[in-house]
Amino acid sequence: MLWRHGQTAWNLEGRFQGTTDIPLTETGLAQAKRAARLLAALKPDAIIASDLRRAADTAAELSTLTGLEVAHYEGLGETYAGVWQGLTHQEITERFGEEYAAWKRGEPVRRGGGELETEVADRAAPVVLEAADKLPDGGTLVVVSHGGAIRTTIGRLLGLDPFTWESLGGLSNCCWSVLSEGARGWRLQEHNAGSLPEPVMGDDD
């Protein structure tokens, strides 16, 4: 299960967060508490999380309810986006219009001079796979991360061509996606689950 962090002020302002360490808002903390109550009922066996505090603080709510320790990994952090970080969507399109358009077309782009989406998958997916390999049979792993990092990880685990990763819609704050491993590999069971449909505010929009 891959769980996105709760709301931040930069989500509300439409600012690209990337690796900037932005805390949860009060609403974001409440979202984490609510979601943690639901996820705790699944009796997870392990929790791993990005070391950025918006994800770490989200994971802490589930840790409190389950008694499980959270293992933090830099590899689960959000996409580094260089000079795009801290800018609004409008500012990015005004200053880096051609680069933004190329990214939206599915071309490999280092947004703001940062990471390629495939590079994010290269660092995040192995962390998830290593933790999943340590689970008991039928066990549940909760991965607390970020919208862009989660989407690239899902794309990689499902074996999708990177050009098609955009077809996996974004995750709303504190919603999650569920994957299971079968005879033919990984399968997406649920995506952006956890609430009624709501607007997605995130770095992957």
C-alpha atoms as a PDB file:
ATOM      1  CA  MET A   1       0.000   0.000   0.000  1.00  0.00           C
ATOM      2  CA  LEU A   2       1.410   3.386  -1.047  1.00  0.00           C
ATOM      3  CA  TRP A   3       0.012   6.277   1.002  1.00  0.00           C
ATOM      4  CA  ARG A   4       0.475   9.940   0.153  1.00  0.00           C
ATOM      5  CA  HIS A   5       1.132  12.481   2.913  1.00  0.00           C
ATOM      6  CA  GLY A   6      -1.452  14.919   4.236  1.00  0.00           C
ATOM      7  CA  GLN A   7      -2.079  18.462   3.082  1.00  0.00           C
ATOM      8  CA  THR A   8       0.593  21.174   3.253  1.00  0.00           C
ATOM      9  CA  ALA A   9       0.390  24.929   2.784  1.00  0.00           C
ATOM     10  CA  TRP A  10       2.222  24.591  -0.535  1.00  0.00           C
ATOM     11  CA  ASN A  11      -0.394  22.102  -1.744  1.00  0.00           C
ATOM     12  CA  LEU A  12      -3.031  24.761  -1.104  1.00  0.00           C
ATOM     13  CA  GLU A  13      -0.955  27.430  -2.834  1.00  0.00           C
ATOM     14  CA  GLY A  14      -0.242  25.196  -5.813  1.00  0.00           C
ATOM     15  CA  ARG A  15       3.520  25.336  -5.277  1.00  0.00           C
ATOM     16  CA  PHE A  16       5.825  22.592  -6.483  1.00  0.00           C
ATOM     17  CA  GLN A  17       7.265  21.098  -3.304  1.00  0.00           C
ATOM     18  CA  GLY A  18       9.748  18.512  -4.521  1.00  0.00           C
ATOM     19  CA  THR A  19      12.383  17.918  -1.861  1.00  0.00           C
ATOM     20  CA  THR A  20      11.581  21.128   0.052  1.00  0.00           C
ATOM     21  CA  ASP A  21      10.743  20.032   3.604  1.00  0.00           C
ATOM     22  CA  ILE A  22       7.270  21.503   4.099  1.00  0.00           C
ATOM     23  CA  PRO A  23       5.239  20.541   7.211  1.00  0.00           C
ATOM     24  CA  LEU A  24       1.627  19.411   7.329  1.00  0.00           C
ATOM     25  CA  THR A  25      -1.130  21.930   7.936  1.00  0.00           C
ATOM     26  CA  GLU A  26      -3.605  21.330  10.752  1.00  0.00           C
ATOM     27  CA  THR A  27      -5.939  19.916   8.114  1.00  0.00           C
ATOM     28  CA  GLY A  28      -3.139  17.684   6.854  1.00  0.00           C
ATOM     29  CA  LEU A  29      -2.548  16.322  10.342  1.00  0.00           C
ATOM     30  CA  ALA A  30      -6.278  15.657  10.750  1.00  0.00           C
ATOM     31  CA  GLN A  31      -6.274  13.842   7.396  1.00  0.00           C
ATOM     32  CA  ALA A  32      -3.385  11.682   8.581  1.00  0.00           C
ATOM     33  CA  LYS A  33      -5.162  10.817  11.818  1.00  0.00           C
ATOM     34  CA  ARG A  34      -8.340   9.853   9.969  1.00  0.00           C
ATOM     35  CA  ALA A  35      -6.566   7.756   7.369  1.00  0.00           C
ATOM     36  CA  ALA A  36      -4.396   6.093  10.007  1.00  0.00           C
ATOM     37  CA  ARG A  37      -7.500   4.814  11.790  1.00  0.00           C
ATOM     38  CA  LEU A  38      -8.641   3.148   8.561  1.00  0.00           C
ATOM     39  CA  LEU A  39      -5.232   1.718   7.698  1.00  0.00           C
ATOM     40  CA  ALA A  40      -4.598   0.430  11.220  1.00  0.00           C
ATOM     41  CA  ALA A  41      -7.635  -1.823  10.814  1.00  0.00           C
ATOM     42  CA  LEU A  42      -5.718  -3.632   8.040  1.00  0.00           C
ATOM     43  CA  LYS A  43      -3.132  -4.687  10.639  1.00  0.00           C
ATOM     44  CA  PRO A  44      -0.027  -3.765   8.616  1.00  0.00           C
ATOM     45  CA  ASP A  45       3.188  -5.663   9.252  1.00  0.00           C
ATOM     46  CA  ALA A  46       5.628  -2.857   8.439  1.00  0.00           C
ATOM     47  CA  ILE A  47       5.726   0.880   7.732  1.00  0.00           C
ATOM     48  CA  ILE A  48       8.370   2.661   5.669  1.00  0.00           C
ATOM     49  CA  ALA A  49       8.364   6.343   4.810  1.00  0.00           C
ATOM     50  CA  SER A  50      10.126   9.209   3.110  1.00  0.00           C
ATOM     51  CA  ASP A  51      12.322  11.162   5.498  1.00  0.00           C
ATOM     52  CA  LEU A  52      10.667  14.465   4.506  1.00  0.00           C
ATOM     53  CA  ARG A  53       8.577  15.578   7.473  1.00  0.00           C
ATOM     54  CA  ARG A  54       5.242  15.805   5.673  1.00  0.00           C
ATOM     55  CA  ALA A  55       5.510  12.058   4.999  1.00  0.00           C
ATOM     56  CA  ALA A  56       7.260  11.206   8.253  1.00  0.00           C
ATOM     57  CA  ASP A  57       4.591  12.978  10.321  1.00  0.00           C
ATOM     58  CA  THR A  58       1.839  11.235   8.334  1.00  0.00           C
ATOM     59  CA  ALA A  59       3.488   7.863   8.971  1.00  0.00           C
ATOM     60  CA  ALA A  60       3.844   8.675  12.672  1.00  0.00           C
ATOM     61  CA  GLU A  61       0.060   8.694  13.074  1.00  0.00           C
ATOM     62  CA  LEU A  62      -0.145   5.100  11.858  1.00  0.00           C
ATOM     63  CA  SER A  63       2.850   4.154  13.991  1.00  0.00           C
ATOM     64  CA  THR A  64       1.083   5.492  17.088  1.00  0.00           C
ATOM     65  CA  LEU A  65      -1.968   3.316  16.453  1.00  0.00           C
ATOM     66  CA  THR A  66      -0.143   0.132  15.439  1.00  0.00           C
ATOM     67  CA  GLY A  67       2.954   0.228  17.632  1.00  0.00           C
ATOM     68  CA  LEU A  68       5.103  -0.380  14.542  1.00  0.00           C
ATOM     69  CA  GLU A  69       8.325   1.584  14.153  1.00  0.00           C
ATOM     70  CA  VAL A  70       8.692   3.585  10.950  1.00  0.00           C
ATOM     71  CA  ALA A  71      11.825   3.063   8.857  1.00  0.00           C
ATOM     72  CA  HIS A  72      12.678   6.285   6.991  1.00  0.00           C
ATOM     73  CA  TYR A  73      14.374   6.328   3.588  1.00  0.00           C
ATOM     74  CA  GLU A  74      15.693   9.240   1.574  1.00  0.00           C
ATOM     75  CA  GLY A  75      14.996   7.141  -1.512  1.00  0.00           C
ATOM     76  CA  LEU A  76      11.250   7.513  -0.946  1.00  0.00           C
ATOM     77  CA  GLY A  77      11.435  11.319  -1.109  1.00  0.00           C
ATOM     78  CA  GLU A  78       9.683  13.396  -3.733  1.00  0.00           C
ATOM     79  CA  THR A  79      11.152  14.261  -7.119  1.00  0.00           C
ATOM     80  CA  TYR A  80      13.910  16.863  -6.907  1.00  0.00           C
ATOM     81  CA  ALA A  81      12.847  19.647  -9.271  1.00  0.00           C
ATOM     82  CA  GLY A  82      15.621  22.219  -8.914  1.00  0.00           C
ATOM     83  CA  VAL A  83      14.522  25.768  -9.659  1.00  0.00           C
ATOM     84  CA  TRP A  84      10.889  24.726 -10.061  1.00  0.00           C
ATOM     85  CA  GLN A  85      10.621  24.071  -6.326  1.00  0.00           C
ATOM     86  CA  GLY A  86       8.629  26.741  -4.546  1.00  0.00           C
ATOM     87  CA  LEU A  87       7.068  28.050  -7.761  1.00  0.00           C
ATOM     88  CA  THR A  88       3.359  27.955  -8.528  1.00  0.00           C
ATOM     89  CA  HIS A  89       1.993  26.215 -11.596  1.00  0.00           C
ATOM     90  CA  GLN A  90       1.455  29.606 -13.234  1.00  0.00           C
ATOM     91  CA  GLU A  91       5.014  30.726 -12.505  1.00  0.00           C
ATOM     92  CA  ILE A  92       6.423  27.492 -13.934  1.00  0.00           C
ATOM     93  CA  THR A  93       4.431  27.780 -17.162  1.00  0.00           C
ATOM     94  CA  GLU A  94       5.401  31.447 -17.543  1.00  0.00           C
ATOM     95  CA  ARG A  95       9.132  30.967 -16.918  1.00  0.00           C
ATOM     96  CA  PHE A  96       9.694  27.449 -18.231  1.00  0.00           C
ATOM     97  CA  GLY A  97       6.892  27.026 -20.740  1.00  0.00           C
ATOM     98  CA  GLU A  98       8.776  24.909 -23.290  1.00  0.00           C
ATOM     99  CA  GLU A  99      10.227  22.624 -20.630  1.00  0.00           C
ATOM    100  CA  TYR A 100       6.820  22.206 -19.007  1.00  0.00           C
ATOM    101  CA  ALA A 101       5.147  21.459 -22.342  1.00  0.00           C
ATOM    102  CA  ALA A 102       7.784  18.836 -23.179  1.00  0.00           C
ATOM    103  CA  TRP A 103       7.227  17.146 -19.828  1.00  0.00           C
ATOM    104  CA  LYS A 104       3.453  17.085 -20.338  1.00  0.00           C
ATOM    105  CA  ARG A 105       4.022  15.485 -23.764  1.00  0.00           C
ATOM    106  CA  GLY A 106       5.791  12.640 -22.002  1.00  0.00           C
ATOM    107  CA  GLU A 107       9.336  13.538 -22.971  1.00  0.00           C
ATOM    108  CA  PRO A 108      12.079  12.781 -20.423  1.00  0.00           C
ATOM    109  CA  VAL A 109      12.615  16.179 -18.822  1.00  0.00           C
ATOM    110  CA  ARG A 110      14.741  17.247 -15.875  1.00  0.00           C
ATOM    111  CA  ARG A 111      12.167  19.625 -14.455  1.00  0.00           C
ATOM    112  CA  GLY A 112      13.994  22.665 -13.119  1.00  0.00           C
ATOM    113  CA  GLY A 113      17.295  20.866 -13.685  1.00  0.00           C
ATOM    114  CA  GLY A 114      16.286  18.101 -11.289  1.00  0.00           C
ATOM    115  CA  GLU A 115      15.555  14.391 -11.553  1.00  0.00           C
ATOM    116  CA  LEU A 116      14.007  12.429 -14.376  1.00  0.00           C
ATOM    117  CA  GLU A 117      10.904  10.474 -13.408  1.00  0.00           C
ATOM    118  CA  THR A 118      12.763   7.258 -14.247  1.00  0.00           C
ATOM    119  CA  GLU A 119      15.516   8.246 -11.809  1.00  0.00           C
ATOM    120  CA  VAL A 120      12.939   8.659  -9.064  1.00  0.00           C
ATOM    121  CA  ALA A 121      11.682   5.145  -9.817  1.00  0.00           C
ATOM    122  CA  ASP A 122      15.283   3.881  -9.831  1.00  0.00           C
ATOM    123  CA  ARG A 123      15.744   4.959  -6.206  1.00  0.00           C
ATOM    124  CA  ALA A 124      12.240   4.453  -4.793  1.00  0.00           C
ATOM    125  CA  ALA A 125      11.095   1.128  -6.250  1.00  0.00           C
ATOM    126  CA  PRO A 126      14.050  -0.889  -4.862  1.00  0.00           C
ATOM    127  CA  VAL A 127      13.316   0.416  -1.342  1.00  0.00           C
ATOM    128  CA  VAL A 128       9.719  -0.798  -1.652  1.00  0.00           C
ATOM    129  CA  LEU A 129      10.712  -4.166  -3.103  1.00  0.00           C
ATOM    130  CA  GLU A 130      13.317  -4.797  -0.407  1.00  0.00           C
ATOM    131  CA  ALA A 131      10.806  -4.036   2.347  1.00  0.00           C
ATOM    132  CA  ALA A 132       8.121  -6.168   0.657  1.00  0.00           C
ATOM    133  CA  ASP A 133      10.523  -9.116   0.460  1.00  0.00           C
ATOM    134  CA  LYS A 134      10.835  -9.066   4.263  1.00  0.00           C
ATOM    135  CA  LEU A 135       7.077  -9.407   4.860  1.00  0.00           C
ATOM    136  CA  PRO A 136       5.515 -12.639   6.119  1.00  0.00           C
ATOM    137  CA  ASP A 137       3.340 -14.494   3.610  1.00  0.00           C
ATOM    138  CA  GLY A 138       0.217 -12.431   3.009  1.00  0.00           C
ATOM    139  CA  GLY A 139       1.695  -9.499   4.938  1.00  0.00           C
ATOM    140  CA  THR A 140       0.937  -5.822   4.392  1.00  0.00           C
ATOM    141  CA  LEU A 141       3.489  -3.061   3.876  1.00  0.00           C
ATOM    142  CA  VAL A 142       2.524   0.610   4.143  1.00  0.00           C
ATOM    143  CA  VAL A 143       4.761   2.991   2.179  1.00  0.00           C
ATOM    144  CA  VAL A 144       4.295   6.673   3.062  1.00  0.00           C
ATOM    145  CA  SER A 145       5.598   8.929   0.331  1.00  0.00           C
ATOM    146  CA  HIS A 146       4.668  11.638  -2.189  1.00  0.00           C
ATOM    147  CA  GLY A 147       2.434  11.920  -5.233  1.00  0.00           C
ATOM    148  CA  GLY A 148       5.149  11.946  -7.875  1.00  0.00           C
ATOM    149  CA  ALA A 149       7.337   9.341  -6.188  1.00  0.00           C
ATOM    150  CA  ILE A 150       4.379   7.024  -5.683  1.00  0.00           C
ATOM    151  CA  ARG A 151       3.251   7.276  -9.288  1.00  0.00           C
ATOM    152  CA  THR A 152       6.705   6.499 -10.674  1.00  0.00           C
ATOM    153  CA  THR A 153       7.064   3.592  -8.249  1.00  0.00           C
ATOM    154  CA  ILE A 154       3.713   2.125  -9.257  1.00  0.00           C
ATOM    155  CA  GLY A 155       4.618   2.531 -12.926  1.00  0.00           C
ATOM    156  CA  ARG A 156       7.912   0.730 -12.389  1.00  0.00           C
ATOM    157  CA  LEU A 157       6.410  -2.111 -10.332  1.00  0.00           C
ATOM    158  CA  LEU A 158       3.675  -2.673 -12.911  1.00  0.00           C
ATOM    159  CA  GLY A 159       6.247  -2.738 -15.709  1.00  0.00           C
ATOM    160  CA  LEU A 160       4.601   0.138 -17.580  1.00  0.00           C
ATOM    161  CA  ASP A 161       6.475   2.167 -20.162  1.00  0.00           C
ATOM    162  CA  PRO A 162       7.493   5.490 -18.537  1.00  0.00           C
ATOM    163  CA  PHE A 163       5.608   7.366 -21.266  1.00  0.00           C
ATOM    164  CA  THR A 164       2.365   5.890 -19.888  1.00  0.00           C
ATOM    165  CA  TRP A 165       2.955   6.702 -16.212  1.00  0.00           C
ATOM    166  CA  GLU A 166       0.902   9.872 -16.652  1.00  0.00           C
ATOM    167  CA  SER A 167      -2.139   7.619 -17.176  1.00  0.00           C
ATOM    168  CA  LEU A 168      -1.975   6.840 -13.455  1.00  0.00           C
ATOM    169  CA  GLY A 169      -3.836   9.847 -12.095  1.00  0.00           C
ATOM    170  CA  GLY A 170      -2.457  11.721  -9.115  1.00  0.00           C
ATOM    171  CA  LEU A 171      -3.188  10.957  -5.490  1.00  0.00           C
ATOM    172  CA  SER A 172      -5.188  13.301  -3.284  1.00  0.00           C
ATOM    173  CA  ASN A 173      -3.700  14.173   0.097  1.00  0.00           C
ATOM    174  CA  CYS A 174      -3.692  11.181   2.454  1.00  0.00           C
ATOM    175  CA  CYS A 175      -5.173   8.822  -0.130  1.00  0.00           C
ATOM    176  CA  TRP A 176      -3.499   5.584  -1.122  1.00  0.00           C
ATOM    177  CA  SER A 177      -3.016   2.956  -3.795  1.00  0.00           C
ATOM    178  CA  VAL A 178      -2.982  -0.768  -3.176  1.00  0.00           C
ATOM    179  CA  LEU A 179      -0.794  -3.228  -5.058  1.00  0.00           C
ATOM    180  CA  SER A 180      -0.594  -6.973  -4.664  1.00  0.00           C
ATOM    181  CA  GLU A 181       1.909  -9.456  -6.019  1.00  0.00           C
ATOM    182  CA  GLY A 182       0.607 -12.370  -8.062  1.00  0.00           C
ATOM    183  CA  ALA A 183       1.935 -15.093 -10.320  1.00  0.00           C
ATOM    184  CA  ARG A 184       2.491 -12.636 -13.191  1.00  0.00           C
ATOM    185  CA  GLY A 185       3.921  -9.815 -11.117  1.00  0.00           C
ATOM    186  CA  TRP A 186       2.427  -6.766  -9.457  1.00  0.00           C
ATOM    187  CA  ARG A 187      -1.209  -5.774  -9.876  1.00  0.00           C
ATOM    188  CA  LEU A 188      -2.924  -2.459  -9.075  1.00  0.00           C
ATOM    189  CA  GLN A 189      -5.903  -3.216  -6.835  1.00  0.00           C
ATOM    190  CA  GLU A 190      -6.998   0.306  -5.867  1.00  0.00           C
ATOM    191  CA  HIS A 191      -5.831   3.801  -6.815  1.00  0.00           C
ATOM    192  CA  ASN A 192      -6.420   7.132  -5.045  1.00  0.00           C
ATOM    193  CA  ALA A 193      -8.617   5.398  -2.481  1.00  0.00           C
ATOM    194  CA  GLY A 194      -9.639   6.669   0.920  1.00  0.00           C
ATOM    195  CA  SER A 195     -12.297   9.290   0.323  1.00  0.00           C
ATOM    196  CA  LEU A 196     -14.904  10.548  -2.075  1.00  0.00           C
ATOM    197  CA  PRO A 197     -13.357  12.049  -5.234  1.00  0.00           C
ATOM    198  CA  GLU A 198     -11.715  15.394  -4.621  1.00  0.00           C
ATOM    199  CA  PRO A 199      -9.290  17.652  -6.490  1.00  0.00           C
ATOM    200  CA  VAL A 200      -5.702  16.473  -6.601  1.00  0.00           C
ATOM    201  CA  MET A 201      -3.275  19.162  -5.450  1.00  0.00           C
ATOM    202  CA  GLY A 202       0.283  18.078  -5.934  1.00  0.00           C
ATOM    203  CA  ASP A 203       3.596  18.218  -7.715  1.00  0.00           C
ATOM    204  CA  ASP A 204       2.438  15.763 -10.368  1.00  0.00           C
ATOM    205  CA  ASP A 205      -0.390  17.917 -11.755  1.00  0.00           C
END
